Amino acid sequence: MLPTNLNTKRLLLRAPVPADAAQIFDSYARLPEVSRFMMWRPHSQFATVEVFVGECVAAFQSGARLPYILALAGEPRTPIGMLEARPLGHKVELGYVLAPSFWGRGFMPEAISALTKEALAEPSFFRVQAFCDVENVNSQRALEKSDFVREGRHDRFNVHPNLSAAPRPCFMYAKCR
Protein backbone atom coordinates (compact mmCIF):
# COMPACT_ATOMS: atom_id res chain seq x y z
CA MET A 1 0.00 0.00 0.00
CA LEU A 2 2.85 2.41 0.73
CA PRO A 3 5.29 3.26 -2.07
CA THR A 4 8.60 1.47 -2.55
CA ASN A 5 10.37 4.81 -3.05
CA LEU A 6 9.44 8.25 -1.83
CA ASN A 7 11.14 11.51 -2.78
CA THR A 8 11.18 14.69 -0.72
CA LYS A 9 12.91 17.97 -1.46
CA ARG A 10 16.23 16.69 -0.10
CA LEU A 11 15.78 12.96 0.51
CA LEU A 12 15.07 9.64 -1.08
CA LEU A 13 13.28 7.04 1.03
CA ARG A 14 13.92 3.65 -0.55
CA ALA A 15 13.88 -0.07 0.07
CA PRO A 16 16.99 -1.45 1.77
CA VAL A 17 19.59 -3.54 -0.07
CA PRO A 18 22.35 -5.74 1.39
CA ALA A 19 25.04 -3.24 0.34
CA ASP A 20 23.61 -0.72 2.85
CA ALA A 21 25.03 -2.66 5.79
CA ALA A 22 28.58 -1.27 5.58
CA GLN A 23 27.50 2.38 5.57
CA ILE A 24 24.94 1.80 8.34
CA PHE A 25 27.62 0.17 10.50
CA ASP A 26 30.18 2.90 9.85
CA SER A 27 27.90 5.94 10.10
CA TYR A 28 25.67 5.12 13.07
CA ALA A 29 24.92 1.55 14.19
CA ARG A 30 28.08 1.25 16.28
CA LEU A 31 27.83 4.67 17.94
CA PRO A 32 26.65 4.88 21.58
CA GLU A 33 25.16 8.36 21.08
CA VAL A 34 22.86 6.97 18.37
CA SER A 35 21.63 3.94 20.30
CA ARG A 36 21.18 5.81 23.58
CA PHE A 37 17.35 5.93 23.32
CA MET A 38 17.00 2.86 21.09
CA MET A 39 15.94 -0.63 22.08
CA TRP A 40 19.28 -2.00 20.90
CA ARG A 41 22.86 -1.61 22.01
CA PRO A 42 25.60 -0.27 19.73
CA HIS A 43 26.66 -2.96 17.28
CA SER A 44 30.28 -3.94 17.77
CA GLN A 45 30.39 -6.36 14.84
CA PHE A 46 29.63 -5.72 11.20
CA ALA A 47 28.03 -9.18 10.91
CA THR A 48 25.23 -8.08 13.26
CA VAL A 49 24.34 -5.21 10.95
CA GLU A 50 24.53 -7.50 7.91
CA VAL A 51 21.96 -9.82 9.50
CA PHE A 52 19.77 -6.85 10.47
CA VAL A 53 19.81 -5.41 6.94
CA GLY A 54 18.99 -8.87 5.54
CA GLU A 55 15.96 -8.99 7.84
CA CYS A 56 14.97 -5.49 6.68
CA VAL A 57 15.19 -6.52 3.01
CA ALA A 58 12.98 -9.56 3.67
CA ALA A 59 10.46 -7.53 5.71
CA PHE A 60 10.22 -4.87 3.02
CA GLN A 61 9.69 -7.47 0.30
CA SER A 62 6.94 -9.18 2.29
CA GLY A 63 5.31 -5.90 3.31
CA ALA A 64 5.26 -6.97 6.98
CA ARG A 65 7.09 -3.76 7.79
CA LEU A 66 8.71 -1.14 5.60
CA PRO A 67 12.16 -0.13 6.86
CA TYR A 68 12.97 2.71 4.45
CA ILE A 69 16.58 3.72 3.96
CA LEU A 70 17.03 7.49 4.10
CA ALA A 71 19.50 8.85 1.55
CA LEU A 72 20.27 12.32 0.29
CA ALA A 73 18.54 12.95 -3.04
CA GLY A 74 21.87 13.29 -4.86
CA GLU A 75 23.42 10.24 -3.17
CA PRO A 76 20.79 7.48 -3.35
CA ARG A 77 23.21 4.65 -2.55
CA THR A 78 24.49 6.16 0.71
CA PRO A 79 22.23 5.57 3.74
CA ILE A 80 22.10 8.33 6.33
CA GLY A 81 19.39 6.72 8.46
CA MET A 82 16.19 4.70 8.46
CA LEU A 83 12.49 5.35 8.89
CA GLU A 84 10.43 2.24 9.46
CA ALA A 85 6.69 2.03 8.88
CA ARG A 86 4.90 -0.81 10.66
CA PRO A 87 1.34 -1.25 9.39
CA LEU A 88 -0.95 -2.39 12.23
CA GLY A 89 -4.52 -2.65 10.96
CA HIS A 90 -5.88 0.88 10.57
CA LYS A 91 -2.69 2.54 11.83
CA VAL A 92 1.00 2.79 11.03
CA GLU A 93 3.67 2.92 13.71
CA LEU A 94 6.99 4.63 13.01
CA GLY A 95 10.52 4.05 14.23
CA TYR A 96 13.54 5.98 13.06
CA VAL A 97 17.26 6.59 13.38
CA LEU A 98 19.66 9.08 11.81
CA ALA A 99 23.46 9.31 11.58
CA PRO A 100 24.77 12.03 13.93
CA SER A 101 26.44 13.95 11.12
CA PHE A 102 22.91 14.73 9.85
CA TRP A 103 21.31 15.66 13.19
CA GLY A 104 19.79 19.12 13.59
CA ARG A 105 19.26 19.77 9.87
CA GLY A 106 15.55 18.87 9.62
CA PHE A 107 16.01 15.64 7.68
CA MET A 108 13.97 13.45 10.01
CA PRO A 109 10.93 15.75 10.20
CA GLU A 110 11.06 15.98 6.39
CA ALA A 111 11.06 12.18 6.06
CA ILE A 112 8.41 11.65 8.77
CA SER A 113 6.11 14.25 7.19
CA ALA A 114 6.40 12.74 3.70
CA LEU A 115 5.78 9.18 4.83
CA THR A 116 2.91 10.24 7.09
CA LYS A 117 1.26 12.11 4.22
CA GLU A 118 1.48 8.98 2.04
CA ALA A 119 0.13 6.74 4.79
CA LEU A 120 -2.83 8.96 5.64
CA ALA A 121 -3.70 9.24 1.93
CA GLU A 122 -4.32 5.47 1.93
CA PRO A 123 -8.00 4.68 2.65
CA SER A 124 -7.10 1.89 5.08
CA PHE A 125 -4.93 4.05 7.40
CA PHE A 126 -6.42 6.59 9.81
CA ARG A 127 -3.52 7.10 12.19
CA VAL A 128 0.28 7.29 12.20
CA GLN A 129 1.92 7.01 15.61
CA ALA A 130 5.32 6.91 17.26
CA PHE A 131 6.72 6.48 20.75
CA CYS A 132 9.85 8.04 22.23
CA ASP A 133 11.57 8.07 25.60
CA VAL A 134 10.50 11.00 27.78
CA GLU A 135 14.12 12.22 27.84
CA ASN A 136 14.58 12.03 24.05
CA VAL A 137 13.96 15.70 23.34
CA ASN A 138 15.34 15.50 19.77
CA SER A 139 12.86 12.80 18.84
CA GLN A 140 10.04 14.75 20.44
CA ARG A 141 10.99 17.81 18.37
CA ALA A 142 11.16 15.77 15.15
CA LEU A 143 7.61 14.51 15.71
CA GLU A 144 6.26 17.92 16.72
CA LYS A 145 7.85 19.52 13.63
CA SER A 146 6.00 16.83 11.63
CA ASP A 147 2.69 18.05 13.13
CA PHE A 148 2.28 15.07 15.42
CA VAL A 149 0.43 15.63 18.69
CA ARG A 150 1.65 14.28 22.01
CA GLU A 151 -1.27 12.18 23.19
CA GLY A 152 0.06 10.84 26.44
CA ARG A 153 2.70 9.26 28.57
CA HIS A 154 3.09 5.51 29.01
CA ASP A 155 4.97 4.52 32.15
CA ARG A 156 7.15 1.41 32.16
CA PHE A 157 6.65 1.16 28.40
CA ASN A 158 9.94 0.27 26.64
CA VAL A 159 13.31 -1.01 27.73
CA HIS A 160 16.12 1.17 26.45
CA PRO A 161 19.08 -1.01 27.48
CA ASN A 162 21.62 1.79 27.10
CA LEU A 163 19.84 3.71 29.87
CA SER A 164 18.31 1.07 32.13
CA ALA A 165 17.35 -2.59 32.32
CA ALA A 166 13.92 -1.53 33.60
CA PRO A 167 11.16 -0.35 31.26
CA ARG A 168 11.15 3.43 30.90
CA PRO A 169 8.37 5.94 30.34
CA CYS A 170 7.64 7.02 26.78
CA PHE A 171 5.50 9.67 25.15
CA MET A 172 3.03 8.66 22.47
CA TYR A 173 2.65 10.93 19.47
CA ALA A 174 0.19 10.63 16.61
CA LYS A 175 -1.18 12.29 13.53
CA CYS A 176 -4.67 11.30 12.38
CA ARG A 177 -7.01 12.02 9.52
C-alpha atoms as a PDB file:
ATOM      1  CA  MET A   1       0.000   0.000   0.000  1.00  0.00           C
ATOM      2  CA  LEU A   2       2.851   2.412   0.727  1.00  0.00           C
ATOM      3  CA  PRO A   3       5.290   3.262  -2.073  1.00  0.00           C
ATOM      4  CA  THR A   4       8.603   1.471  -2.548  1.00  0.00           C
ATOM      5  CA  ASN A   5      10.368   4.805  -3.045  1.00  0.00           C
ATOM      6  CA  LEU A   6       9.440   8.247  -1.829  1.00  0.00           C
ATOM      7  CA  ASN A   7      11.137  11.506  -2.779  1.00  0.00           C
ATOM      8  CA  THR A   8      11.184  14.685  -0.723  1.00  0.00           C
ATOM      9  CA  LYS A   9      12.905  17.970  -1.455  1.00  0.00           C
ATOM     10  CA  ARG A  10      16.231  16.686  -0.099  1.00  0.00           C
ATOM     11  CA  LEU A  11      15.784  12.965   0.513  1.00  0.00           C
ATOM     12  CA  LEU A  12      15.066   9.639  -1.081  1.00  0.00           C
ATOM     13  CA  LEU A  13      13.277   7.038   1.035  1.00  0.00           C
ATOM     14  CA  ARG A  14      13.918   3.649  -0.546  1.00  0.00           C
ATOM     15  CA  ALA A  15      13.880  -0.074   0.072  1.00  0.00           C
ATOM     16  CA  PRO A  16      16.993  -1.454   1.771  1.00  0.00           C
ATOM     17  CA  VAL A  17      19.589  -3.537  -0.070  1.00  0.00           C
ATOM     18  CA  PRO A  18      22.347  -5.738   1.388  1.00  0.00           C
ATOM     19  CA  ALA A  19      25.043  -3.244   0.336  1.00  0.00           C
ATOM     20  CA  ASP A  20      23.608  -0.717   2.851  1.00  0.00           C
ATOM     21  CA  ALA A  21      25.027  -2.663   5.794  1.00  0.00           C
ATOM     22  CA  ALA A  22      28.577  -1.271   5.584  1.00  0.00           C
ATOM     23  CA  GLN A  23      27.499   2.383   5.566  1.00  0.00           C
ATOM     24  CA  ILE A  24      24.942   1.800   8.338  1.00  0.00           C
ATOM     25  CA  PHE A  25      27.616   0.171  10.497  1.00  0.00           C
ATOM     26  CA  ASP A  26      30.183   2.897   9.845  1.00  0.00           C
ATOM     27  CA  SER A  27      27.905   5.937  10.103  1.00  0.00           C
ATOM     28  CA  TYR A  28      25.670   5.121  13.071  1.00  0.00           C
ATOM     29  CA  ALA A  29      24.922   1.550  14.187  1.00  0.00           C
ATOM     30  CA  ARG A  30      28.076   1.247  16.282  1.00  0.00           C
ATOM     31  CA  LEU A  31      27.829   4.672  17.940  1.00  0.00           C
ATOM     32  CA  PRO A  32      26.649   4.881  21.579  1.00  0.00           C
ATOM     33  CA  GLU A  33      25.165   8.365  21.083  1.00  0.00           C
ATOM     34  CA  VAL A  34      22.856   6.970  18.368  1.00  0.00           C
ATOM     35  CA  SER A  35      21.633   3.941  20.295  1.00  0.00           C
ATOM     36  CA  ARG A  36      21.180   5.807  23.585  1.00  0.00           C
ATOM     37  CA  PHE A  37      17.354   5.929  23.321  1.00  0.00           C
ATOM     38  CA  MET A  38      17.000   2.860  21.094  1.00  0.00           C
ATOM     39  CA  MET A  39      15.939  -0.634  22.082  1.00  0.00           C
ATOM     40  CA  TRP A  40      19.283  -2.003  20.904  1.00  0.00           C
ATOM     41  CA  ARG A  41      22.862  -1.608  22.014  1.00  0.00           C
ATOM     42  CA  PRO A  42      25.604  -0.272  19.735  1.00  0.00           C
ATOM     43  CA  HIS A  43      26.655  -2.961  17.284  1.00  0.00           C
ATOM     44  CA  SER A  44      30.284  -3.938  17.766  1.00  0.00           C
ATOM     45  CA  GLN A  45      30.393  -6.356  14.839  1.00  0.00           C
ATOM     46  CA  PHE A  46      29.629  -5.722  11.202  1.00  0.00           C
ATOM     47  CA  ALA A  47      28.025  -9.179  10.908  1.00  0.00           C
ATOM     48  CA  THR A  48      25.235  -8.076  13.262  1.00  0.00           C
ATOM     49  CA  VAL A  49      24.341  -5.208  10.946  1.00  0.00           C
ATOM     50  CA  GLU A  50      24.526  -7.502   7.911  1.00  0.00           C
ATOM     51  CA  VAL A  51      21.957  -9.816   9.501  1.00  0.00           C
ATOM     52  CA  PHE A  52      19.767  -6.850  10.468  1.00  0.00           C
ATOM     53  CA  VAL A  53      19.812  -5.412   6.939  1.00  0.00           C
ATOM     54  CA  GLY A  54      18.994  -8.869   5.536  1.00  0.00           C
ATOM     55  CA  GLU A  55      15.958  -8.989   7.840  1.00  0.00           C
ATOM     56  CA  CYS A  56      14.970  -5.487   6.676  1.00  0.00           C
ATOM     57  CA  VAL A  57      15.192  -6.522   3.012  1.00  0.00           C
ATOM     58  CA  ALA A  58      12.979  -9.562   3.665  1.00  0.00           C
ATOM     59  CA  ALA A  59      10.461  -7.531   5.711  1.00  0.00           C
ATOM     60  CA  PHE A  60      10.217  -4.867   3.018  1.00  0.00           C
ATOM     61  CA  GLN A  61       9.689  -7.466   0.302  1.00  0.00           C
ATOM     62  CA  SER A  62       6.940  -9.182   2.291  1.00  0.00           C
ATOM     63  CA  GLY A  63       5.310  -5.899   3.314  1.00  0.00           C
ATOM     64  CA  ALA A  64       5.260  -6.970   6.981  1.00  0.00           C
ATOM     65  CA  ARG A  65       7.089  -3.755   7.791  1.00  0.00           C
ATOM     66  CA  LEU A  66       8.711  -1.141   5.597  1.00  0.00           C
ATOM     67  CA  PRO A  67      12.160  -0.126   6.862  1.00  0.00           C
ATOM     68  CA  TYR A  68      12.972   2.709   4.450  1.00  0.00           C
ATOM     69  CA  ILE A  69      16.580   3.723   3.956  1.00  0.00           C
ATOM     70  CA  LEU A  70      17.027   7.492   4.097  1.00  0.00           C
ATOM     71  CA  ALA A  71      19.496   8.847   1.548  1.00  0.00           C
ATOM     72  CA  LEU A  72      20.271  12.320   0.289  1.00  0.00           C
ATOM     73  CA  ALA A  73      18.541  12.954  -3.041  1.00  0.00           C
ATOM     74  CA  GLY A  74      21.869  13.289  -4.856  1.00  0.00           C
ATOM     75  CA  GLU A  75      23.423  10.242  -3.169  1.00  0.00           C
ATOM     76  CA  PRO A  76      20.792   7.482  -3.351  1.00  0.00           C
ATOM     77  CA  ARG A  77      23.210   4.646  -2.546  1.00  0.00           C
ATOM     78  CA  THR A  78      24.486   6.158   0.710  1.00  0.00           C
ATOM     79  CA  PRO A  79      22.234   5.566   3.735  1.00  0.00           C
ATOM     80  CA  ILE A  80      22.098   8.335   6.331  1.00  0.00           C
ATOM     81  CA  GLY A  81      19.392   6.718   8.460  1.00  0.00           C
ATOM     82  CA  MET A  82      16.195   4.699   8.460  1.00  0.00           C
ATOM     83  CA  LEU A  83      12.492   5.354   8.890  1.00  0.00           C
ATOM     84  CA  GLU A  84      10.433   2.240   9.460  1.00  0.00           C
ATOM     85  CA  ALA A  85       6.690   2.032   8.881  1.00  0.00           C
ATOM     86  CA  ARG A  86       4.901  -0.815  10.656  1.00  0.00           C
ATOM     87  CA  PRO A  87       1.337  -1.245   9.390  1.00  0.00           C
ATOM     88  CA  LEU A  88      -0.948  -2.385  12.227  1.00  0.00           C
ATOM     89  CA  GLY A  89      -4.517  -2.651  10.962  1.00  0.00           C
ATOM     90  CA  HIS A  90      -5.883   0.881  10.573  1.00  0.00           C
ATOM     91  CA  LYS A  91      -2.692   2.543  11.826  1.00  0.00           C
ATOM     92  CA  VAL A  92       1.001   2.790  11.027  1.00  0.00           C
ATOM     93  CA  GLU A  93       3.671   2.923  13.715  1.00  0.00           C
ATOM     94  CA  LEU A  94       6.989   4.635  13.008  1.00  0.00           C
ATOM     95  CA  GLY A  95      10.519   4.050  14.226  1.00  0.00           C
ATOM     96  CA  TYR A  96      13.540   5.983  13.062  1.00  0.00           C
ATOM     97  CA  VAL A  97      17.265   6.594  13.385  1.00  0.00           C
ATOM     98  CA  LEU A  98      19.661   9.080  11.806  1.00  0.00           C
ATOM     99  CA  ALA A  99      23.456   9.307  11.579  1.00  0.00           C
ATOM    100  CA  PRO A 100      24.766  12.031  13.933  1.00  0.00           C
ATOM    101  CA  SER A 101      26.436  13.952  11.117  1.00  0.00           C
ATOM    102  CA  PHE A 102      22.908  14.727   9.854  1.00  0.00           C
ATOM    103  CA  TRP A 103      21.310  15.665  13.193  1.00  0.00           C
ATOM    104  CA  GLY A 104      19.789  19.116  13.589  1.00  0.00           C
ATOM    105  CA  ARG A 105      19.256  19.769   9.872  1.00  0.00           C
ATOM    106  CA  GLY A 106      15.552  18.874   9.619  1.00  0.00           C
ATOM    107  CA  PHE A 107      16.009  15.636   7.676  1.00  0.00           C
ATOM    108  CA  MET A 108      13.974  13.445  10.009  1.00  0.00           C
ATOM    109  CA  PRO A 109      10.926  15.755  10.196  1.00  0.00           C
ATOM    110  CA  GLU A 110      11.060  15.980   6.389  1.00  0.00           C
ATOM    111  CA  ALA A 111      11.058  12.180   6.062  1.00  0.00           C
ATOM    112  CA  ILE A 112       8.408  11.646   8.766  1.00  0.00           C
ATOM    113  CA  SER A 113       6.111  14.253   7.188  1.00  0.00           C
ATOM    114  CA  ALA A 114       6.405  12.743   3.704  1.00  0.00           C
ATOM    115  CA  LEU A 115       5.782   9.177   4.833  1.00  0.00           C
ATOM    116  CA  THR A 116       2.905  10.237   7.090  1.00  0.00           C
ATOM    117  CA  LYS A 117       1.264  12.111   4.218  1.00  0.00           C
ATOM    118  CA  GLU A 118       1.477   8.982   2.044  1.00  0.00           C
ATOM    119  CA  ALA A 119       0.135   6.736   4.794  1.00  0.00           C
ATOM    120  CA  LEU A 120      -2.827   8.964   5.635  1.00  0.00           C
ATOM    121  CA  ALA A 121      -3.700   9.235   1.929  1.00  0.00           C
ATOM    122  CA  GLU A 122      -4.320   5.473   1.935  1.00  0.00           C
ATOM    123  CA  PRO A 123      -7.999   4.683   2.647  1.00  0.00           C
ATOM    124  CA  SER A 124      -7.096   1.894   5.081  1.00  0.00           C
ATOM    125  CA  PHE A 125      -4.933   4.054   7.403  1.00  0.00           C
ATOM    126  CA  PHE A 126      -6.418   6.591   9.807  1.00  0.00           C
ATOM    127  CA  ARG A 127      -3.517   7.102  12.189  1.00  0.00           C
ATOM    128  CA  VAL A 128       0.276   7.294  12.204  1.00  0.00           C
ATOM    129  CA  GLN A 129       1.917   7.015  15.610  1.00  0.00           C
ATOM    130  CA  ALA A 130       5.324   6.907  17.263  1.00  0.00           C
ATOM    131  CA  PHE A 131       6.717   6.478  20.754  1.00  0.00           C
ATOM    132  CA  CYS A 132       9.854   8.039  22.229  1.00  0.00           C
ATOM    133  CA  ASP A 133      11.565   8.068  25.598  1.00  0.00           C
ATOM    134  CA  VAL A 134      10.500  11.001  27.776  1.00  0.00           C
ATOM    135  CA  GLU A 135      14.121  12.222  27.838  1.00  0.00           C
ATOM    136  CA  ASN A 136      14.581  12.026  24.051  1.00  0.00           C
ATOM    137  CA  VAL A 137      13.965  15.704  23.338  1.00  0.00           C
ATOM    138  CA  ASN A 138      15.340  15.501  19.768  1.00  0.00           C
ATOM    139  CA  SER A 139      12.856  12.796  18.840  1.00  0.00           C
ATOM    140  CA  GLN A 140      10.036  14.755  20.441  1.00  0.00           C
ATOM    141  CA  ARG A 141      10.994  17.807  18.370  1.00  0.00           C
ATOM    142  CA  ALA A 142      11.155  15.774  15.148  1.00  0.00           C
ATOM    143  CA  LEU A 143       7.611  14.510  15.713  1.00  0.00           C
ATOM    144  CA  GLU A 144       6.264  17.924  16.717  1.00  0.00           C
ATOM    145  CA  LYS A 145       7.848  19.519  13.629  1.00  0.00           C
ATOM    146  CA  SER A 146       5.999  16.832  11.632  1.00  0.00           C
ATOM    147  CA  ASP A 147       2.695  18.054  13.133  1.00  0.00           C
ATOM    148  CA  PHE A 148       2.282  15.065  15.425  1.00  0.00           C
ATOM    149  CA  VAL A 149       0.432  15.635  18.691  1.00  0.00           C
ATOM    150  CA  ARG A 150       1.647  14.284  22.010  1.00  0.00           C
ATOM    151  CA  GLU A 151      -1.271  12.183  23.194  1.00  0.00           C
ATOM    152  CA  GLY A 152       0.056  10.839  26.438  1.00  0.00           C
ATOM    153  CA  ARG A 153       2.696   9.261  28.575  1.00  0.00           C
ATOM    154  CA  HIS A 154       3.089   5.509  29.008  1.00  0.00           C
ATOM    155  CA  ASP A 155       4.973   4.523  32.152  1.00  0.00           C
ATOM    156  CA  ARG A 156       7.148   1.406  32.163  1.00  0.00           C
ATOM    157  CA  PHE A 157       6.646   1.161  28.399  1.00  0.00           C
ATOM    158  CA  ASN A 158       9.939   0.269  26.641  1.00  0.00           C
ATOM    159  CA  VAL A 159      13.308  -1.012  27.728  1.00  0.00           C
ATOM    160  CA  HIS A 160      16.121   1.174  26.451  1.00  0.00           C
ATOM    161  CA  PRO A 161      19.081  -1.005  27.483  1.00  0.00           C
ATOM    162  CA  ASN A 162      21.620   1.786  27.095  1.00  0.00           C
ATOM    163  CA  LEU A 163      19.837   3.712  29.868  1.00  0.00           C
ATOM    164  CA  SER A 164      18.310   1.070  32.129  1.00  0.00           C
ATOM    165  CA  ALA A 165      17.352  -2.591  32.324  1.00  0.00           C
ATOM    166  CA  ALA A 166      13.919  -1.532  33.599  1.00  0.00           C
ATOM    167  CA  PRO A 167      11.159  -0.350  31.257  1.00  0.00           C
ATOM    168  CA  ARG A 168      11.154   3.427  30.899  1.00  0.00           C
ATOM    169  CA  PRO A 169       8.372   5.940  30.336  1.00  0.00           C
ATOM    170  CA  CYS A 170       7.641   7.022  26.782  1.00  0.00           C
ATOM    171  CA  PHE A 171       5.505   9.667  25.150  1.00  0.00           C
ATOM    172  CA  MET A 172       3.027   8.662  22.474  1.00  0.00           C
ATOM    173  CA  TYR A 173       2.647  10.935  19.475  1.00  0.00           C
ATOM    174  CA  ALA A 174       0.187  10.629  16.609  1.00  0.00           C
ATOM    175  CA  LYS A 175      -1.183  12.292  13.530  1.00  0.00           C
ATOM    176  CA  CYS A 176      -4.668  11.297  12.376  1.00  0.00           C
ATOM    177  CA  ARG A 177      -7.013  12.019   9.516  1.00  0.00           C
END
